């Protein structure tokens, strides 16, 4: 069931030529907020679709970044499809994205509700079986050319899809992936995939901020005001900061080492960036690699 909430154009919003819809997923059992951004794709010049989660954080950045790149036509006309939720409350968004982006229940993760974990397979099915057909029926796009961008838990989800059904998406932008989830479960999945496949048909870009390490987290906290530092340190005691640089490089190295003939892969560590500051650069660098733009 699709319900269009509004179309945003011209003077109604600083971000023009965008749409908001509500799509009920029978596979997930929830209604998603689907935000659509038009970045030059047309019937005469259909382009790829960029799918992404975390519409609350990523949508505006993606649309504006792509439109800037389109000024010099360094990337093709693109339709941005961002999946979000019917709430603006960050506590609820945090729980819902954990439900949809994580492949298993991990009670050591800092999240406490087991019912709000482990839904990655259902969310992937929603993406492939409900959302993609809806997009193909409604918009002028190349149905064979899609990209998914995910950051943090969204990067974990993108890695999950890559290692379970890589043909579902052609291009993967994987930013600061939470590969610590499930005590490194994705590394086991990578080895299992390699044991039963001779190829991995995808183009993949991994990136992570250079300060996404235990030492980098300490550096970040040292620069916060005392009240914010105390709150963040209390949260870290439950979350156990990980070395996301080492994890990301390890995954990229493992995949590259398999010698898959159809896999194109790159990994970058972004100088001077923390987990909180890396996402816009993760997206920009991913777009440039995945669409062969100047780098």
C-alpha atoms as a PDB file:
ATOM      1  CA  UNK A   1       0.000   0.000   0.000  1.00  0.00           C
ATOM      2  CA  UNK A   2       1.435   3.381  -1.062  1.00  0.00           C
ATOM      3  CA  UNK A   3       0.267   6.708   0.347  1.00  0.00           C
ATOM      4  CA  UNK A   4       1.844   9.931  -0.908  1.00  0.00           C
ATOM      5  CA  UNK A   5       2.151  12.540   1.806  1.00  0.00           C
ATOM      6  CA  UNK A   6       3.344  15.509  -0.203  1.00  0.00           C
ATOM      7  CA  UNK A   7       5.596  16.674  -3.005  1.00  0.00           C
ATOM      8  CA  UNK A   8       8.122  19.344  -2.132  1.00  0.00           C
ATOM      9  CA  UNK A   9       8.981  21.843  -4.841  1.00  0.00           C
ATOM     10  CA  UNK A  10      10.424  25.289  -5.343  1.00  0.00           C
ATOM     11  CA  UNK A  11       9.675  27.749  -2.572  1.00  0.00           C
ATOM     12  CA  UNK A  12       8.132  25.198  -0.234  1.00  0.00           C
ATOM     13  CA  UNK A  13      11.530  23.781   0.726  1.00  0.00           C
ATOM     14  CA  UNK A  14      15.187  24.591   0.310  1.00  0.00           C
ATOM     15  CA  UNK A  15      15.582  21.063  -1.095  1.00  0.00           C
ATOM     16  CA  UNK A  16      13.515  21.188  -4.270  1.00  0.00           C
ATOM     17  CA  UNK A  17      12.128  18.483  -6.554  1.00  0.00           C
ATOM     18  CA  UNK A  18      11.705  15.874  -3.845  1.00  0.00           C
ATOM     19  CA  UNK A  19       8.802  13.671  -2.804  1.00  0.00           C
ATOM     20  CA  UNK A  20       7.651  11.936   0.366  1.00  0.00           C
ATOM     21  CA  UNK A  21       5.637   8.703   0.308  1.00  0.00           C
ATOM     22  CA  UNK A  22       4.583   6.114   2.854  1.00  0.00           C
ATOM     23  CA  UNK A  23       4.985   2.484   1.873  1.00  0.00           C
ATOM     24  CA  UNK A  24       3.586  -0.389   3.888  1.00  0.00           C
ATOM     25  CA  UNK A  25       5.839  -3.447   3.906  1.00  0.00           C
ATOM     26  CA  UNK A  26       4.140  -6.760   4.441  1.00  0.00           C
ATOM     27  CA  UNK A  27       7.551  -8.427   4.716  1.00  0.00           C
ATOM     28  CA  UNK A  28       8.740  -6.236   7.602  1.00  0.00           C
ATOM     29  CA  UNK A  29       5.322  -5.578   9.064  1.00  0.00           C
ATOM     30  CA  UNK A  30       5.784  -1.822   9.249  1.00  0.00           C
ATOM     31  CA  UNK A  31       5.225   1.348   7.248  1.00  0.00           C
ATOM     32  CA  UNK A  32       8.288   3.159   5.928  1.00  0.00           C
ATOM     33  CA  UNK A  33       8.728   6.791   4.985  1.00  0.00           C
ATOM     34  CA  UNK A  34      10.204   6.839   1.464  1.00  0.00           C
ATOM     35  CA  UNK A  35      11.906  10.086   0.444  1.00  0.00           C
ATOM     36  CA  UNK A  36      12.650  10.567  -3.252  1.00  0.00           C
ATOM     37  CA  UNK A  37      15.155  13.034  -4.690  1.00  0.00           C
ATOM     38  CA  UNK A  38      15.340  13.758  -8.421  1.00  0.00           C
ATOM     39  CA  UNK A  39      18.884  14.385  -9.635  1.00  0.00           C
ATOM     40  CA  UNK A  40      18.590  14.585 -13.405  1.00  0.00           C
ATOM     41  CA  UNK A  41      17.173  11.185 -14.387  1.00  0.00           C
ATOM     42  CA  UNK A  42      14.502  11.346 -17.115  1.00  0.00           C
ATOM     43  CA  UNK A  43      12.755   9.140 -19.635  1.00  0.00           C
ATOM     44  CA  UNK A  44      15.271  10.234 -22.263  1.00  0.00           C
ATOM     45  CA  UNK A  45      18.203   9.694 -19.921  1.00  0.00           C
ATOM     46  CA  UNK A  46      17.293   7.126 -17.237  1.00  0.00           C
ATOM     47  CA  UNK A  47      20.004   6.589 -14.701  1.00  0.00           C
ATOM     48  CA  UNK A  48      20.834   4.445 -11.695  1.00  0.00           C
ATOM     49  CA  UNK A  49      18.997   4.448  -8.390  1.00  0.00           C
ATOM     50  CA  UNK A  50      20.799   5.203  -5.154  1.00  0.00           C
ATOM     51  CA  UNK A  51      19.069   3.401  -2.302  1.00  0.00           C
ATOM     52  CA  UNK A  52      19.953   4.263   1.262  1.00  0.00           C
ATOM     53  CA  UNK A  53      18.717   3.856   4.791  1.00  0.00           C
ATOM     54  CA  UNK A  54      18.884   6.543   7.471  1.00  0.00           C
ATOM     55  CA  UNK A  55      16.835   9.065   5.497  1.00  0.00           C
ATOM     56  CA  UNK A  56      16.963  11.381   8.528  1.00  0.00           C
ATOM     57  CA  UNK A  57      20.741  11.745   8.190  1.00  0.00           C
ATOM     58  CA  UNK A  58      21.688  10.861   4.616  1.00  0.00           C
ATOM     59  CA  UNK A  59      19.015  12.063   2.220  1.00  0.00           C
ATOM     60  CA  UNK A  60      19.788  15.786   2.009  1.00  0.00           C
ATOM     61  CA  UNK A  61      23.529  15.135   1.864  1.00  0.00           C
ATOM     62  CA  UNK A  62      23.076  12.656  -0.981  1.00  0.00           C
ATOM     63  CA  UNK A  63      20.797  14.851  -3.090  1.00  0.00           C
ATOM     64  CA  UNK A  64      22.936  17.957  -2.758  1.00  0.00           C
ATOM     65  CA  UNK A  65      26.211  16.072  -3.323  1.00  0.00           C
ATOM     66  CA  UNK A  66      24.896  14.400  -6.471  1.00  0.00           C
ATOM     67  CA  UNK A  67      23.448  17.634  -7.842  1.00  0.00           C
ATOM     68  CA  UNK A  68      26.794  19.351  -7.389  1.00  0.00           C
ATOM     69  CA  UNK A  69      28.546  16.510  -9.228  1.00  0.00           C
ATOM     70  CA  UNK A  70      25.919  16.690 -11.954  1.00  0.00           C
ATOM     71  CA  UNK A  71      26.970  20.271 -12.750  1.00  0.00           C
ATOM     72  CA  UNK A  72      30.018  18.830 -14.509  1.00  0.00           C
ATOM     73  CA  UNK A  73      28.262  15.549 -15.382  1.00  0.00           C
ATOM     74  CA  UNK A  74      30.914  13.544 -13.543  1.00  0.00           C
ATOM     75  CA  UNK A  75      28.283  11.070 -12.379  1.00  0.00           C
ATOM     76  CA  UNK A  76      25.153   9.982 -14.273  1.00  0.00           C
ATOM     77  CA  UNK A  77      21.614  11.256 -13.665  1.00  0.00           C
ATOM     78  CA  UNK A  78      20.491   9.548 -10.481  1.00  0.00           C
ATOM     79  CA  UNK A  79      17.323   8.970  -8.501  1.00  0.00           C
ATOM     80  CA  UNK A  80      17.819   8.963  -4.723  1.00  0.00           C
ATOM     81  CA  UNK A  81      15.518   6.704  -2.692  1.00  0.00           C
ATOM     82  CA  UNK A  82      15.993   6.992   1.073  1.00  0.00           C
ATOM     83  CA  UNK A  83      14.156   4.808   3.551  1.00  0.00           C
ATOM     84  CA  UNK A  84      13.107   6.305   6.852  1.00  0.00           C
ATOM     85  CA  UNK A  85      10.478   5.962   9.547  1.00  0.00           C
ATOM     86  CA  UNK A  86       7.254   7.635  10.668  1.00  0.00           C
ATOM     87  CA  UNK A  87       8.920   9.183  13.721  1.00  0.00           C
ATOM     88  CA  UNK A  88      11.362  12.000  14.365  1.00  0.00           C
ATOM     89  CA  UNK A  89      12.323  10.758  17.832  1.00  0.00           C
ATOM     90  CA  UNK A  90      15.956   9.641  17.769  1.00  0.00           C
ATOM     91  CA  UNK A  91      15.409   6.986  20.441  1.00  0.00           C
ATOM     92  CA  UNK A  92      12.751   5.347  18.258  1.00  0.00           C
ATOM     93  CA  UNK A  93      14.835   5.726  15.091  1.00  0.00           C
ATOM     94  CA  UNK A  94      17.780   4.101  16.870  1.00  0.00           C
ATOM     95  CA  UNK A  95      15.679   1.080  17.785  1.00  0.00           C
ATOM     96  CA  UNK A  96      14.103   0.762  14.335  1.00  0.00           C
ATOM     97  CA  UNK A  97      17.384   0.984  12.445  1.00  0.00           C
ATOM     98  CA  UNK A  98      18.825  -1.645  14.796  1.00  0.00           C
ATOM     99  CA  UNK A  99      15.846  -3.847  13.964  1.00  0.00           C
ATOM    100  CA  UNK A 100      16.323  -3.441  10.211  1.00  0.00           C
ATOM    101  CA  UNK A 101      20.101  -3.271   9.777  1.00  0.00           C
ATOM    102  CA  UNK A 102      21.357  -6.055  12.034  1.00  0.00           C
ATOM    103  CA  UNK A 103      21.583  -9.690  10.877  1.00  0.00           C
ATOM    104  CA  UNK A 104      21.360 -11.322  14.313  1.00  0.00           C
ATOM    105  CA  UNK A 105      20.544 -10.655  17.937  1.00  0.00           C
ATOM    106  CA  UNK A 106      23.591  -9.373  19.837  1.00  0.00           C
ATOM    107  CA  UNK A 107      22.832  -8.600  23.470  1.00  0.00           C
ATOM    108  CA  UNK A 108      26.453  -7.537  24.019  1.00  0.00           C
ATOM    109  CA  UNK A 109      25.987  -4.686  21.537  1.00  0.00           C
ATOM    110  CA  UNK A 110      24.584  -2.183  24.014  1.00  0.00           C
ATOM    111  CA  UNK A 111      21.053  -2.572  22.630  1.00  0.00           C
ATOM    112  CA  UNK A 112      18.782  -4.283  25.132  1.00  0.00           C
ATOM    113  CA  UNK A 113      15.636  -5.328  23.229  1.00  0.00           C
ATOM    114  CA  UNK A 114      16.185  -8.608  21.386  1.00  0.00           C
ATOM    115  CA  UNK A 115      12.925  -8.075  19.492  1.00  0.00           C
ATOM    116  CA  UNK A 116      14.483  -4.994  17.866  1.00  0.00           C
ATOM    117  CA  UNK A 117      17.470  -6.841  16.371  1.00  0.00           C
ATOM    118  CA  UNK A 118      18.124  -9.341  13.643  1.00  0.00           C
ATOM    119  CA  UNK A 119      15.789  -8.063  10.922  1.00  0.00           C
ATOM    120  CA  UNK A 120      18.328  -7.569   8.126  1.00  0.00           C
ATOM    121  CA  UNK A 121      16.940 -10.412   6.009  1.00  0.00           C
ATOM    122  CA  UNK A 122      13.418  -8.980   6.223  1.00  0.00           C
ATOM    123  CA  UNK A 123      14.646  -5.485   5.387  1.00  0.00           C
ATOM    124  CA  UNK A 124      16.655  -6.836   2.452  1.00  0.00           C
ATOM    125  CA  UNK A 125      13.535  -8.635   1.195  1.00  0.00           C
ATOM    126  CA  UNK A 126      11.579  -5.372   1.502  1.00  0.00           C
ATOM    127  CA  UNK A 127      14.248  -3.573  -0.504  1.00  0.00           C
ATOM    128  CA  UNK A 128      14.367  -6.152  -3.297  1.00  0.00           C
ATOM    129  CA  UNK A 129      10.805  -7.450  -3.475  1.00  0.00           C
ATOM    130  CA  UNK A 130       8.693  -4.427  -2.522  1.00  0.00           C
ATOM    131  CA  UNK A 131      10.647  -1.181  -2.837  1.00  0.00           C
ATOM    132  CA  UNK A 132      12.621  -1.836  -6.028  1.00  0.00           C
ATOM    133  CA  UNK A 133       9.551  -2.932  -8.049  1.00  0.00           C
ATOM    134  CA  UNK A 134       7.646   0.124  -6.811  1.00  0.00           C
ATOM    135  CA  UNK A 135      10.480   2.387  -7.931  1.00  0.00           C
ATOM    136  CA  UNK A 136      10.769   0.668 -11.332  1.00  0.00           C
ATOM    137  CA  UNK A 137       7.025   1.056 -11.968  1.00  0.00           C
ATOM    138  CA  UNK A 138       6.902   4.700 -10.966  1.00  0.00           C
ATOM    139  CA  UNK A 139      10.127   6.324 -12.179  1.00  0.00           C
ATOM    140  CA  UNK A 140      12.356   6.509 -15.249  1.00  0.00           C
ATOM    141  CA  UNK A 141      15.409   4.603 -14.063  1.00  0.00           C
ATOM    142  CA  UNK A 142      17.728   1.838 -15.181  1.00  0.00           C
ATOM    143  CA  UNK A 143      16.367  -1.158 -13.232  1.00  0.00           C
ATOM    144  CA  UNK A 144      19.623  -3.047 -13.731  1.00  0.00           C
ATOM    145  CA  UNK A 145      21.797  -0.335 -12.164  1.00  0.00           C
ATOM    146  CA  UNK A 146      21.388   0.336  -8.463  1.00  0.00           C
ATOM    147  CA  UNK A 147      23.617   1.449  -5.621  1.00  0.00           C
ATOM    148  CA  UNK A 148      23.127   1.053  -1.896  1.00  0.00           C
ATOM    149  CA  UNK A 149      24.858   3.330   0.597  1.00  0.00           C
ATOM    150  CA  UNK A 150      24.904   2.500   4.285  1.00  0.00           C
ATOM    151  CA  UNK A 151      26.857   3.965   7.172  1.00  0.00           C
ATOM    152  CA  UNK A 152      27.635   2.435  10.589  1.00  0.00           C
ATOM    153  CA  UNK A 153      24.850  -0.119  11.212  1.00  0.00           C
ATOM    154  CA  UNK A 154      23.769   0.699   7.667  1.00  0.00           C
ATOM    155  CA  UNK A 155      27.264  -0.308   6.549  1.00  0.00           C
ATOM    156  CA  UNK A 156      26.840  -3.561   8.455  1.00  0.00           C
ATOM    157  CA  UNK A 157      23.587  -4.141   6.554  1.00  0.00           C
ATOM    158  CA  UNK A 158      25.254  -3.387   3.213  1.00  0.00           C
ATOM    159  CA  UNK A 159      28.002  -5.889   4.014  1.00  0.00           C
ATOM    160  CA  UNK A 160      25.344  -8.446   4.955  1.00  0.00           C
ATOM    161  CA  UNK A 161      23.620  -8.029   1.579  1.00  0.00           C
ATOM    162  CA  UNK A 162      26.943  -8.149  -0.259  1.00  0.00           C
ATOM    163  CA  UNK A 163      27.804 -11.488   1.337  1.00  0.00           C
ATOM    164  CA  UNK A 164      24.341 -13.058   1.093  1.00  0.00           C
ATOM    165  CA  UNK A 165      22.866 -11.867  -2.223  1.00  0.00           C
ATOM    166  CA  UNK A 166      25.410  -9.624  -3.976  1.00  0.00           C
ATOM    167  CA  UNK A 167      23.473  -9.518  -7.261  1.00  0.00           C
ATOM    168  CA  UNK A 168      20.644  -7.670  -5.510  1.00  0.00           C
ATOM    169  CA  UNK A 169      22.636  -4.436  -5.851  1.00  0.00           C
ATOM    170  CA  UNK A 170      25.262  -3.560  -8.453  1.00  0.00           C
ATOM    171  CA  UNK A 171      27.257  -0.979  -6.463  1.00  0.00           C
ATOM    172  CA  UNK A 172      27.883  -0.847  -2.722  1.00  0.00           C
ATOM    173  CA  UNK A 173      28.997   2.183  -0.721  1.00  0.00           C
ATOM    174  CA  UNK A 174      29.905   0.875   2.733  1.00  0.00           C
ATOM    175  CA  UNK A 175      30.836   3.578   5.218  1.00  0.00           C
ATOM    176  CA  UNK A 176      32.236   2.951   8.705  1.00  0.00           C
ATOM    177  CA  UNK A 177      30.616  -0.480   8.914  1.00  0.00           C
ATOM    178  CA  UNK A 178      29.805  -1.866  12.357  1.00  0.00           C
ATOM    179  CA  UNK A 179      31.666  -5.109  11.696  1.00  0.00           C
ATOM    180  CA  UNK A 180      32.060  -5.659  15.435  1.00  0.00           C
ATOM    181  CA  UNK A 181      28.417  -6.788  15.528  1.00  0.00           C
ATOM    182  CA  UNK A 182      27.918 -10.367  16.679  1.00  0.00           C
ATOM    183  CA  UNK A 183      31.559 -10.685  17.708  1.00  0.00           C
ATOM    184  CA  UNK A 184      32.724 -10.258  14.123  1.00  0.00           C
ATOM    185  CA  UNK A 185      29.970 -12.335  12.508  1.00  0.00           C
ATOM    186  CA  UNK A 186      30.537 -10.787   9.066  1.00  0.00           C
ATOM    187  CA  UNK A 187      34.056 -12.195   8.898  1.00  0.00           C
ATOM    188  CA  UNK A 188      32.594 -15.668   9.353  1.00  0.00           C
ATOM    189  CA  UNK A 189      30.048 -14.893   6.636  1.00  0.00           C
ATOM    190  CA  UNK A 190      32.832 -13.766   4.329  1.00  0.00           C
ATOM    191  CA  UNK A 191      34.699 -17.039   4.807  1.00  0.00           C
ATOM    192  CA  UNK A 192      31.507 -19.043   4.275  1.00  0.00           C
ATOM    193  CA  UNK A 193      30.770 -17.168   1.051  1.00  0.00           C
ATOM    194  CA  UNK A 194      34.295 -17.770  -0.231  1.00  0.00           C
ATOM    195  CA  UNK A 195      33.976 -21.454   0.522  1.00  0.00           C
ATOM    196  CA  UNK A 196      30.964 -21.846  -1.749  1.00  0.00           C
ATOM    197  CA  UNK A 197      31.446 -19.221  -4.489  1.00  0.00           C
ATOM    198  CA  UNK A 198      34.064 -18.527  -7.123  1.00  0.00           C
ATOM    199  CA  UNK A 199      32.921 -14.995  -7.917  1.00  0.00           C
ATOM    200  CA  UNK A 200      31.361 -11.947  -6.270  1.00  0.00           C
ATOM    201  CA  UNK A 201      29.756  -9.739  -8.956  1.00  0.00           C
ATOM    202  CA  UNK A 202      29.772  -6.268  -7.422  1.00  0.00           C
ATOM    203  CA  UNK A 203      31.570  -2.945  -7.278  1.00  0.00           C
ATOM    204  CA  UNK A 204      32.321  -2.056  -3.655  1.00  0.00           C
ATOM    205  CA  UNK A 205      33.750   0.946  -1.848  1.00  0.00           C
ATOM    206  CA  UNK A 206      34.665   0.724   1.835  1.00  0.00           C
ATOM    207  CA  UNK A 207      35.683   3.795   3.815  1.00  0.00           C
ATOM    208  CA  UNK A 208      36.159   4.748   7.445  1.00  0.00           C
ATOM    209  CA  UNK A 209      37.427   7.734   9.403  1.00  0.00           C
ATOM    210  CA  UNK A 210      41.022   7.504  10.589  1.00  0.00           C
ATOM    211  CA  UNK A 211      39.906   8.348  14.142  1.00  0.00           C
ATOM    212  CA  UNK A 212      37.345   5.526  14.295  1.00  0.00           C
ATOM    213  CA  UNK A 213      39.587   3.656  16.704  1.00  0.00           C
ATOM    214  CA  UNK A 214      39.760   3.342  20.467  1.00  0.00           C
ATOM    215  CA  UNK A 215      42.499   5.997  20.592  1.00  0.00           C
ATOM    216  CA  UNK A 216      40.535   8.205  18.196  1.00  0.00           C
ATOM    217  CA  UNK A 217      37.466   7.951  20.385  1.00  0.00           C
ATOM    218  CA  UNK A 218      39.514   9.062  23.386  1.00  0.00           C
ATOM    219  CA  UNK A 219      40.814  11.997  21.344  1.00  0.00           C
ATOM    220  CA  UNK A 220      37.240  12.972  20.450  1.00  0.00           C
ATOM    221  CA  UNK A 221      36.041  12.788  24.052  1.00  0.00           C
ATOM    222  CA  UNK A 222      38.936  14.875  25.331  1.00  0.00           C
ATOM    223  CA  UNK A 223      37.746  17.808  23.220  1.00  0.00           C
ATOM    224  CA  UNK A 224      34.133  17.765  24.446  1.00  0.00           C
ATOM    225  CA  UNK A 225      32.773  20.031  27.188  1.00  0.00           C
ATOM    226  CA  UNK A 226      32.813  18.311  30.567  1.00  0.00           C
ATOM    227  CA  UNK A 227      29.085  17.570  30.709  1.00  0.00           C
ATOM    228  CA  UNK A 228      28.979  16.072  27.209  1.00  0.00           C
ATOM    229  CA  UNK A 229      32.184  14.135  27.861  1.00  0.00           C
ATOM    230  CA  UNK A 230      30.776  12.538  31.015  1.00  0.00           C
ATOM    231  CA  UNK A 231      27.604  11.490  29.193  1.00  0.00           C
ATOM    232  CA  UNK A 232      29.540  10.057  26.230  1.00  0.00           C
ATOM    233  CA  UNK A 233      31.939   8.183  28.497  1.00  0.00           C
ATOM    234  CA  UNK A 234      28.998   6.599  30.312  1.00  0.00           C
ATOM    235  CA  UNK A 235      27.535   5.478  26.977  1.00  0.00           C
ATOM    236  CA  UNK A 236      30.907   4.105  25.877  1.00  0.00           C
ATOM    237  CA  UNK A 237      31.101   1.902  28.959  1.00  0.00           C
ATOM    238  CA  UNK A 238      28.110   0.004  27.571  1.00  0.00           C
ATOM    239  CA  UNK A 239      29.046   0.185  23.900  1.00  0.00           C
ATOM    240  CA  UNK A 240      32.749  -0.789  24.086  1.00  0.00           C
ATOM    241  CA  UNK A 241      34.244   1.290  21.233  1.00  0.00           C
ATOM    242  CA  UNK A 242      35.808  -0.844  18.509  1.00  0.00           C
ATOM    243  CA  UNK A 243      38.701  -0.363  16.120  1.00  0.00           C
ATOM    244  CA  UNK A 244      36.563   0.190  13.050  1.00  0.00           C
ATOM    245  CA  UNK A 245      39.588   1.082  10.936  1.00  0.00           C
ATOM    246  CA  UNK A 246      41.168  -2.316  11.532  1.00  0.00           C
ATOM    247  CA  UNK A 247      37.850  -4.101  10.952  1.00  0.00           C
ATOM    248  CA  UNK A 248      37.115  -2.262   7.704  1.00  0.00           C
ATOM    249  CA  UNK A 249      40.590  -2.803   6.312  1.00  0.00           C
ATOM    250  CA  UNK A 250      40.461  -6.459   7.337  1.00  0.00           C
ATOM    251  CA  UNK A 251      37.190  -7.027   5.447  1.00  0.00           C
ATOM    252  CA  UNK A 252      38.399  -5.254   2.318  1.00  0.00           C
ATOM    253  CA  UNK A 253      41.685  -7.174   2.437  1.00  0.00           C
ATOM    254  CA  UNK A 254      39.862 -10.500   2.810  1.00  0.00           C
ATOM    255  CA  UNK A 255      37.558  -9.822  -0.130  1.00  0.00           C
ATOM    256  CA  UNK A 256      40.362  -8.559  -2.340  1.00  0.00           C
ATOM    257  CA  UNK A 257      42.455 -11.588  -1.489  1.00  0.00           C
ATOM    258  CA  UNK A 258      39.839 -14.005  -2.847  1.00  0.00           C
ATOM    259  CA  UNK A 259      40.632 -12.965  -6.397  1.00  0.00           C
ATOM    260  CA  UNK A 260      36.993 -12.814  -7.495  1.00  0.00           C
ATOM    261  CA  UNK A 261      37.060 -11.992 -11.235  1.00  0.00           C
ATOM    262  CA  UNK A 262      33.963  -9.729 -11.184  1.00  0.00           C
ATOM    263  CA  UNK A 263      34.677  -7.875  -7.945  1.00  0.00           C
ATOM    264  CA  UNK A 264      35.901  -4.273  -8.086  1.00  0.00           C
ATOM    265  CA  UNK A 265      36.840  -3.066  -4.635  1.00  0.00           C
ATOM    266  CA  UNK A 266      38.492  -0.090  -2.995  1.00  0.00           C
ATOM    267  CA  UNK A 267      39.043   0.893   0.632  1.00  0.00           C
ATOM    268  CA  UNK A 268      40.007   4.309   1.994  1.00  0.00           C
ATOM    269  CA  UNK A 269      40.817   5.566   5.467  1.00  0.00           C
ATOM    270  CA  UNK A 270      39.792   9.223   5.698  1.00  0.00           C
ATOM    271  CA  UNK A 271      42.313  11.403   7.579  1.00  0.00           C
ATOM    272  CA  UNK A 272      41.048  13.487  10.463  1.00  0.00           C
ATOM    273  CA  UNK A 273      37.539  12.011  10.579  1.00  0.00           C
ATOM    274  CA  UNK A 274      35.595  10.560  13.503  1.00  0.00           C
ATOM    275  CA  UNK A 275      32.533   8.302  13.409  1.00  0.00           C
ATOM    276  CA  UNK A 276      30.360  11.408  13.793  1.00  0.00           C
ATOM    277  CA  UNK A 277      32.050  13.340  10.961  1.00  0.00           C
ATOM    278  CA  UNK A 278      32.868  10.643   8.393  1.00  0.00           C
ATOM    279  CA  UNK A 279      29.419   9.935   6.830  1.00  0.00           C
ATOM    280  CA  UNK A 280      29.297  12.820   4.277  1.00  0.00           C
ATOM    281  CA  UNK A 281      32.816  11.981   3.085  1.00  0.00           C
ATOM    282  CA  UNK A 282      32.018   8.264   3.061  1.00  0.00           C
ATOM    283  CA  UNK A 283      29.150   9.015   0.688  1.00  0.00           C
ATOM    284  CA  UNK A 284      31.043  11.458  -1.522  1.00  0.00           C
ATOM    285  CA  UNK A 285      34.052   9.179  -1.914  1.00  0.00           C
ATOM    286  CA  UNK A 286      31.786   6.201  -2.586  1.00  0.00           C
ATOM    287  CA  UNK A 287      29.915   8.022  -5.345  1.00  0.00           C
ATOM    288  CA  UNK A 288      33.165   9.049  -7.020  1.00  0.00           C
ATOM    289  CA  UNK A 289      34.632   5.540  -7.002  1.00  0.00           C
ATOM    290  CA  UNK A 290      31.453   3.684  -7.866  1.00  0.00           C
ATOM    291  CA  UNK A 291      30.639   5.922 -10.832  1.00  0.00           C
ATOM    292  CA  UNK A 292      34.216   6.440 -12.046  1.00  0.00           C
ATOM    293  CA  UNK A 293      34.245  10.164 -11.303  1.00  0.00           C
ATOM    294  CA  UNK A 294      37.528  12.078 -10.808  1.00  0.00           C
ATOM    295  CA  UNK A 295      39.103  11.284  -7.428  1.00  0.00           C
END
